[in-house]
């Protein structure tokens, strides 16, 4: 069956907001004379863990911790970094190729719409996506398939007619639970074999053309 659509995760796939998030948290820990321990920073699901991160920092700082001031400082720095982001390597070429070939484009993100759409607009690419499905529209976050199923319903296509693009293990699991083939582009180092269940693993979208990626991801066996 012909692939009619690509469904992209957002954070770490379209824009590297994961690196800016990490930089902002690291800077906030350093503001208090502390070092951020990366153990536990990355959740094994697609839900929002911001409050858990604040609680961890508050416990490390002690009674003097001012959560409101910390939040304002961290988000201001994060937003400054995000304002300078561009699409991840190779993604712009894929989007252009999709438009040329008539392949439809969608986003399926665990993040909220108020996060996803302004950042896509900032790089001039919001209009590329026919469908934007977000975590604040579904009951369960990745690895649950809910947001991918929502994207498929809005596209009006079968799972066999689309390919998902993900950067995390739980994202790949969510896409495949929705019946999608999935291309993994890991956004951070993980243990060898972590993405063995993906249909294709690439170092970046610049590694293959979109046409070759689709062929490789849909190859039998």
C-alpha atoms as a PDB file:
ATOM      1  CA  UNK A   1       0.000   0.000   0.000  1.00  0.00           C
ATOM      2  CA  UNK A   2       1.223   3.485  -0.849  1.00  0.00           C
ATOM      3  CA  UNK A   3       2.470   5.661   2.021  1.00  0.00           C
ATOM      4  CA  UNK A   4       0.187   8.683   2.014  1.00  0.00           C
ATOM      5  CA  UNK A   5       1.376  10.493   5.144  1.00  0.00           C
ATOM      6  CA  UNK A   6       4.257  11.087   7.526  1.00  0.00           C
ATOM      7  CA  UNK A   7       3.439  11.648  11.189  1.00  0.00           C
ATOM      8  CA  UNK A   8       6.196  13.346  13.158  1.00  0.00           C
ATOM      9  CA  UNK A   9       6.839  13.517  16.849  1.00  0.00           C
ATOM     10  CA  UNK A  10       7.737  17.104  17.722  1.00  0.00           C
ATOM     11  CA  UNK A  11      10.306  17.525  20.515  1.00  0.00           C
ATOM     12  CA  UNK A  12      13.646  16.115  19.415  1.00  0.00           C
ATOM     13  CA  UNK A  13      12.434  15.226  15.913  1.00  0.00           C
ATOM     14  CA  UNK A  14      11.300  18.447  14.261  1.00  0.00           C
ATOM     15  CA  UNK A  15      13.062  20.857  16.631  1.00  0.00           C
ATOM     16  CA  UNK A  16      15.743  20.054  19.187  1.00  0.00           C
ATOM     17  CA  UNK A  17      13.802  21.451  22.122  1.00  0.00           C
ATOM     18  CA  UNK A  18      15.197  18.655  24.272  1.00  0.00           C
ATOM     19  CA  UNK A  19      18.682  20.191  24.222  1.00  0.00           C
ATOM     20  CA  UNK A  20      17.333  23.624  25.125  1.00  0.00           C
ATOM     21  CA  UNK A  21      15.232  22.139  27.915  1.00  0.00           C
ATOM     22  CA  UNK A  22      18.278  20.387  29.319  1.00  0.00           C
ATOM     23  CA  UNK A  23      20.434  23.516  29.004  1.00  0.00           C
ATOM     24  CA  UNK A  24      17.835  25.576  30.880  1.00  0.00           C
ATOM     25  CA  UNK A  25      17.539  23.093  33.713  1.00  0.00           C
ATOM     26  CA  UNK A  26      21.311  22.725  33.962  1.00  0.00           C
ATOM     27  CA  UNK A  27      21.689  26.501  34.165  1.00  0.00           C
ATOM     28  CA  UNK A  28      19.057  26.715  36.890  1.00  0.00           C
ATOM     29  CA  UNK A  29      20.835  24.104  38.995  1.00  0.00           C
ATOM     30  CA  UNK A  30      24.097  25.985  38.488  1.00  0.00           C
ATOM     31  CA  UNK A  31      22.373  29.194  39.651  1.00  0.00           C
ATOM     32  CA  UNK A  32      22.070  27.469  43.035  1.00  0.00           C
ATOM     33  CA  UNK A  33      25.656  26.212  42.986  1.00  0.00           C
ATOM     34  CA  UNK A  34      24.554  22.675  42.124  1.00  0.00           C
ATOM     35  CA  UNK A  35      25.183  20.241  39.290  1.00  0.00           C
ATOM     36  CA  UNK A  36      22.312  18.578  37.474  1.00  0.00           C
ATOM     37  CA  UNK A  37      22.458  14.783  37.643  1.00  0.00           C
ATOM     38  CA  UNK A  38      21.066  13.449  34.369  1.00  0.00           C
ATOM     39  CA  UNK A  39      19.894  10.257  36.048  1.00  0.00           C
ATOM     40  CA  UNK A  40      16.113  10.442  36.023  1.00  0.00           C
ATOM     41  CA  UNK A  41      15.924  13.575  33.862  1.00  0.00           C
ATOM     42  CA  UNK A  42      14.523  11.677  30.880  1.00  0.00           C
ATOM     43  CA  UNK A  43      11.143  10.041  31.607  1.00  0.00           C
ATOM     44  CA  UNK A  44      10.106   6.706  30.141  1.00  0.00           C
ATOM     45  CA  UNK A  45       6.834   8.195  28.947  1.00  0.00           C
ATOM     46  CA  UNK A  46       5.653  11.233  27.019  1.00  0.00           C
ATOM     47  CA  UNK A  47       3.915  13.004  29.875  1.00  0.00           C
ATOM     48  CA  UNK A  48       4.863  16.333  31.461  1.00  0.00           C
ATOM     49  CA  UNK A  49       7.379  15.856  34.283  1.00  0.00           C
ATOM     50  CA  UNK A  50       8.080  19.555  34.907  1.00  0.00           C
ATOM     51  CA  UNK A  51       6.716  19.509  38.461  1.00  0.00           C
ATOM     52  CA  UNK A  52       8.795  16.465  39.331  1.00  0.00           C
ATOM     53  CA  UNK A  53      11.875  18.323  38.096  1.00  0.00           C
ATOM     54  CA  UNK A  54      11.031  21.343  40.237  1.00  0.00           C
ATOM     55  CA  UNK A  55      10.458  19.121  43.251  1.00  0.00           C
ATOM     56  CA  UNK A  56      13.840  17.511  42.743  1.00  0.00           C
ATOM     57  CA  UNK A  57      15.554  20.892  42.554  1.00  0.00           C
ATOM     58  CA  UNK A  58      13.648  22.190  45.586  1.00  0.00           C
ATOM     59  CA  UNK A  59      14.764  19.196  47.622  1.00  0.00           C
ATOM     60  CA  UNK A  60      18.375  19.810  46.639  1.00  0.00           C
ATOM     61  CA  UNK A  61      18.284  23.559  47.396  1.00  0.00           C
ATOM     62  CA  UNK A  62      16.326  23.397  50.642  1.00  0.00           C
ATOM     63  CA  UNK A  63      13.975  25.867  52.365  1.00  0.00           C
ATOM     64  CA  UNK A  64      15.419  28.903  50.571  1.00  0.00           C
ATOM     65  CA  UNK A  65      14.172  27.685  47.195  1.00  0.00           C
ATOM     66  CA  UNK A  66      11.835  30.145  45.455  1.00  0.00           C
ATOM     67  CA  UNK A  67       9.849  28.135  42.930  1.00  0.00           C
ATOM     68  CA  UNK A  68       8.254  31.135  41.188  1.00  0.00           C
ATOM     69  CA  UNK A  69      11.573  32.924  40.684  1.00  0.00           C
ATOM     70  CA  UNK A  70      13.180  29.682  39.546  1.00  0.00           C
ATOM     71  CA  UNK A  71      10.415  29.061  37.023  1.00  0.00           C
ATOM     72  CA  UNK A  72      10.606  32.584  35.602  1.00  0.00           C
ATOM     73  CA  UNK A  73      14.389  32.422  35.264  1.00  0.00           C
ATOM     74  CA  UNK A  74      14.421  28.944  33.701  1.00  0.00           C
ATOM     75  CA  UNK A  75      11.634  29.518  31.188  1.00  0.00           C
ATOM     76  CA  UNK A  76      13.025  32.895  30.109  1.00  0.00           C
ATOM     77  CA  UNK A  77      16.360  31.267  29.288  1.00  0.00           C
ATOM     78  CA  UNK A  78      14.673  28.279  27.615  1.00  0.00           C
ATOM     79  CA  UNK A  79      12.515  30.564  25.468  1.00  0.00           C
ATOM     80  CA  UNK A  80      15.567  32.590  24.466  1.00  0.00           C
ATOM     81  CA  UNK A  81      17.295  29.411  23.310  1.00  0.00           C
ATOM     82  CA  UNK A  82      14.174  28.128  21.552  1.00  0.00           C
ATOM     83  CA  UNK A  83      13.793  31.375  19.629  1.00  0.00           C
ATOM     84  CA  UNK A  84      17.055  30.564  17.839  1.00  0.00           C
ATOM     85  CA  UNK A  85      16.214  26.966  16.969  1.00  0.00           C
ATOM     86  CA  UNK A  86      15.981  25.727  13.409  1.00  0.00           C
ATOM     87  CA  UNK A  87      14.553  22.449  12.130  1.00  0.00           C
ATOM     88  CA  UNK A  88      16.628  19.389  12.990  1.00  0.00           C
ATOM     89  CA  UNK A  89      19.147  18.299  10.311  1.00  0.00           C
ATOM     90  CA  UNK A  90      17.541  17.007   7.141  1.00  0.00           C
ATOM     91  CA  UNK A  91      13.962  17.699   8.227  1.00  0.00           C
ATOM     92  CA  UNK A  92      13.424  20.709   5.967  1.00  0.00           C
ATOM     93  CA  UNK A  93      14.486  18.631   2.958  1.00  0.00           C
ATOM     94  CA  UNK A  94      12.064  15.868   3.961  1.00  0.00           C
ATOM     95  CA  UNK A  95       9.196  18.342   4.358  1.00  0.00           C
ATOM     96  CA  UNK A  96       9.905  19.872   0.962  1.00  0.00           C
ATOM     97  CA  UNK A  97      10.089  16.424  -0.623  1.00  0.00           C
ATOM     98  CA  UNK A  98       6.789  15.451   0.984  1.00  0.00           C
ATOM     99  CA  UNK A  99       5.092  18.489  -0.483  1.00  0.00           C
ATOM    100  CA  UNK A 100       6.554  17.749  -3.916  1.00  0.00           C
ATOM    101  CA  UNK A 101       5.405  14.124  -3.823  1.00  0.00           C
ATOM    102  CA  UNK A 102       1.962  14.850  -2.373  1.00  0.00           C
ATOM    103  CA  UNK A 103       2.719  13.076   0.902  1.00  0.00           C
ATOM    104  CA  UNK A 104       0.597  14.529   3.700  1.00  0.00           C
ATOM    105  CA  UNK A 105       2.199  15.766   6.916  1.00  0.00           C
ATOM    106  CA  UNK A 106       1.062  15.548  10.524  1.00  0.00           C
ATOM    107  CA  UNK A 107       2.417  15.993  14.038  1.00  0.00           C
ATOM    108  CA  UNK A 108       1.657  13.644  16.936  1.00  0.00           C
ATOM    109  CA  UNK A 109       3.239  15.104  20.063  1.00  0.00           C
ATOM    110  CA  UNK A 110       2.899  14.481  23.787  1.00  0.00           C
ATOM    111  CA  UNK A 111       3.411  18.215  24.276  1.00  0.00           C
ATOM    112  CA  UNK A 112       0.501  20.652  24.299  1.00  0.00           C
ATOM    113  CA  UNK A 113      -0.705  22.614  21.292  1.00  0.00           C
ATOM    114  CA  UNK A 114       0.324  25.912  22.929  1.00  0.00           C
ATOM    115  CA  UNK A 115       3.915  24.621  22.900  1.00  0.00           C
ATOM    116  CA  UNK A 116       4.027  22.936  19.492  1.00  0.00           C
ATOM    117  CA  UNK A 117       2.312  25.418  17.196  1.00  0.00           C
ATOM    118  CA  UNK A 118       4.190  28.629  18.158  1.00  0.00           C
ATOM    119  CA  UNK A 119       7.551  26.904  17.782  1.00  0.00           C
ATOM    120  CA  UNK A 120       6.623  25.530  14.363  1.00  0.00           C
ATOM    121  CA  UNK A 121       5.364  28.972  13.387  1.00  0.00           C
ATOM    122  CA  UNK A 122       8.649  30.501  14.544  1.00  0.00           C
ATOM    123  CA  UNK A 123      10.552  28.445  11.966  1.00  0.00           C
ATOM    124  CA  UNK A 124       7.922  29.133   9.316  1.00  0.00           C
ATOM    125  CA  UNK A 125       6.694  25.546   9.048  1.00  0.00           C
ATOM    126  CA  UNK A 126       3.374  25.366  10.880  1.00  0.00           C
ATOM    127  CA  UNK A 127       1.497  25.614   7.604  1.00  0.00           C
ATOM    128  CA  UNK A 128       3.234  22.503   6.280  1.00  0.00           C
ATOM    129  CA  UNK A 129       1.259  20.276   8.632  1.00  0.00           C
ATOM    130  CA  UNK A 130      -2.303  19.367   7.739  1.00  0.00           C
ATOM    131  CA  UNK A 131      -2.884  17.839  11.185  1.00  0.00           C
ATOM    132  CA  UNK A 132      -1.417  18.675  14.595  1.00  0.00           C
ATOM    133  CA  UNK A 133      -2.434  16.228  17.349  1.00  0.00           C
ATOM    134  CA  UNK A 134      -1.185  16.998  20.857  1.00  0.00           C
ATOM    135  CA  UNK A 135      -0.896  15.492  24.295  1.00  0.00           C
ATOM    136  CA  UNK A 136      -3.456  17.826  25.828  1.00  0.00           C
ATOM    137  CA  UNK A 137      -6.094  16.345  23.510  1.00  0.00           C
ATOM    138  CA  UNK A 138      -5.783  12.687  24.563  1.00  0.00           C
ATOM    139  CA  UNK A 139      -6.292  10.659  27.721  1.00  0.00           C
ATOM    140  CA  UNK A 140      -2.949   8.844  27.798  1.00  0.00           C
ATOM    141  CA  UNK A 141       0.567   9.833  26.747  1.00  0.00           C
ATOM    142  CA  UNK A 142       3.141   7.797  24.876  1.00  0.00           C
ATOM    143  CA  UNK A 143       3.866   4.843  25.000  1.00  0.00           C
ATOM    144  CA  UNK A 144       0.058   4.714  24.756  1.00  0.00           C
ATOM    145  CA  UNK A 145      -0.974   5.071  21.103  1.00  0.00           C
ATOM    146  CA  UNK A 146      -3.685   7.693  21.734  1.00  0.00           C
ATOM    147  CA  UNK A 147      -2.082  10.712  20.059  1.00  0.00           C
ATOM    148  CA  UNK A 148      -1.141   8.699  16.969  1.00  0.00           C
ATOM    149  CA  UNK A 149      -4.658   7.299  16.727  1.00  0.00           C
ATOM    150  CA  UNK A 150      -5.982  10.858  16.949  1.00  0.00           C
ATOM    151  CA  UNK A 151      -3.674  11.979  14.137  1.00  0.00           C
ATOM    152  CA  UNK A 152      -4.775   9.046  11.981  1.00  0.00           C
ATOM    153  CA  UNK A 153      -8.460   9.830  12.582  1.00  0.00           C
ATOM    154  CA  UNK A 154      -7.935  13.447  11.582  1.00  0.00           C
ATOM    155  CA  UNK A 155      -6.038  12.399   8.468  1.00  0.00           C
ATOM    156  CA  UNK A 156      -8.759   9.873   7.640  1.00  0.00           C
ATOM    157  CA  UNK A 157      -6.278   7.143   6.709  1.00  0.00           C
ATOM    158  CA  UNK A 158      -5.322   3.642   7.845  1.00  0.00           C
ATOM    159  CA  UNK A 159      -2.141   2.991   9.901  1.00  0.00           C
ATOM    160  CA  UNK A 160      -0.692   1.041   6.967  1.00  0.00           C
ATOM    161  CA  UNK A 161      -0.788   4.227   4.895  1.00  0.00           C
ATOM    162  CA  UNK A 162       1.516   6.256   7.167  1.00  0.00           C
ATOM    163  CA  UNK A 163       4.957   6.224   8.723  1.00  0.00           C
ATOM    164  CA  UNK A 164       5.792   7.765  12.089  1.00  0.00           C
ATOM    165  CA  UNK A 165       9.089   9.481  12.864  1.00  0.00           C
ATOM    166  CA  UNK A 166      10.211   9.323  16.498  1.00  0.00           C
ATOM    167  CA  UNK A 167      13.240  10.002  18.677  1.00  0.00           C
ATOM    168  CA  UNK A 168      12.441   8.009  21.840  1.00  0.00           C
ATOM    169  CA  UNK A 169      11.854   4.385  22.767  1.00  0.00           C
ATOM    170  CA  UNK A 170       8.409   5.118  24.208  1.00  0.00           C
ATOM    171  CA  UNK A 171       7.550   7.118  21.096  1.00  0.00           C
ATOM    172  CA  UNK A 172       8.381   4.196  18.823  1.00  0.00           C
ATOM    173  CA  UNK A 173       6.273   1.941  21.060  1.00  0.00           C
ATOM    174  CA  UNK A 174       3.346   4.365  20.808  1.00  0.00           C
ATOM    175  CA  UNK A 175       3.554   4.564  17.019  1.00  0.00           C
ATOM    176  CA  UNK A 176       3.749   0.810  16.604  1.00  0.00           C
ATOM    177  CA  UNK A 177       0.901   0.258  19.085  1.00  0.00           C
ATOM    178  CA  UNK A 178      -1.171   2.435  16.743  1.00  0.00           C
ATOM    179  CA  UNK A 179      -0.259   0.085  13.880  1.00  0.00           C
ATOM    180  CA  UNK A 180       2.257   2.404  12.245  1.00  0.00           C
ATOM    181  CA  UNK A 181       5.652   1.677  10.824  1.00  0.00           C
ATOM    182  CA  UNK A 182       8.197   3.843  12.612  1.00  0.00           C
ATOM    183  CA  UNK A 183      11.508   5.468  11.721  1.00  0.00           C
ATOM    184  CA  UNK A 184      13.621   6.246  14.782  1.00  0.00           C
ATOM    185  CA  UNK A 185      16.038   9.174  14.855  1.00  0.00           C
ATOM    186  CA  UNK A 186      17.435   9.008  18.417  1.00  0.00           C
ATOM    187  CA  UNK A 187      17.883  12.443  19.961  1.00  0.00           C
ATOM    188  CA  UNK A 188      20.238  11.291  22.707  1.00  0.00           C
ATOM    189  CA  UNK A 189      22.624   8.374  23.320  1.00  0.00           C
ATOM    190  CA  UNK A 190      20.937   5.196  24.506  1.00  0.00           C
ATOM    191  CA  UNK A 191      22.089   1.635  25.092  1.00  0.00           C
ATOM    192  CA  UNK A 192      22.821  -0.353  21.924  1.00  0.00           C
ATOM    193  CA  UNK A 193      19.695  -2.143  20.758  1.00  0.00           C
ATOM    194  CA  UNK A 194      17.273   0.310  22.383  1.00  0.00           C
ATOM    195  CA  UNK A 195      15.636   0.945  19.012  1.00  0.00           C
ATOM    196  CA  UNK A 196      15.809  -2.601  17.677  1.00  0.00           C
ATOM    197  CA  UNK A 197      12.008  -2.684  17.419  1.00  0.00           C
ATOM    198  CA  UNK A 198      11.910   0.328  15.065  1.00  0.00           C
ATOM    199  CA  UNK A 199      11.446  -0.356  11.368  1.00  0.00           C
ATOM    200  CA  UNK A 200      14.418   1.848  10.522  1.00  0.00           C
ATOM    201  CA  UNK A 201      16.989   3.743  12.602  1.00  0.00           C
ATOM    202  CA  UNK A 202      18.769   6.815  11.218  1.00  0.00           C
ATOM    203  CA  UNK A 203      21.362   9.134  12.723  1.00  0.00           C
ATOM    204  CA  UNK A 204      19.482  12.096  11.217  1.00  0.00           C
ATOM    205  CA  UNK A 205      16.945  12.877   8.534  1.00  0.00           C
ATOM    206  CA  UNK A 206      19.909  13.935   6.415  1.00  0.00           C
ATOM    207  CA  UNK A 207      21.151  10.360   6.205  1.00  0.00           C
ATOM    208  CA  UNK A 208      18.679   9.304   3.483  1.00  0.00           C
ATOM    209  CA  UNK A 209      16.327  11.043   1.099  1.00  0.00           C
ATOM    210  CA  UNK A 210      12.676  10.859   2.032  1.00  0.00           C
ATOM    211  CA  UNK A 211      11.968   8.459  -0.815  1.00  0.00           C
ATOM    212  CA  UNK A 212      14.791   6.124   0.268  1.00  0.00           C
ATOM    213  CA  UNK A 213      13.648   6.343   3.889  1.00  0.00           C
ATOM    214  CA  UNK A 214      10.127   5.301   2.959  1.00  0.00           C
ATOM    215  CA  UNK A 215      11.445   2.434   0.848  1.00  0.00           C
ATOM    216  CA  UNK A 216      13.722   1.210   3.641  1.00  0.00           C
ATOM    217  CA  UNK A 217      11.033   1.496   6.325  1.00  0.00           C
ATOM    218  CA  UNK A 218       8.459  -0.402   4.260  1.00  0.00           C
ATOM    219  CA  UNK A 219      10.755  -3.118   2.961  1.00  0.00           C
ATOM    220  CA  UNK A 220       9.294  -6.567   3.738  1.00  0.00           C
ATOM    221  CA  UNK A 221      11.046  -8.515   6.485  1.00  0.00           C
END
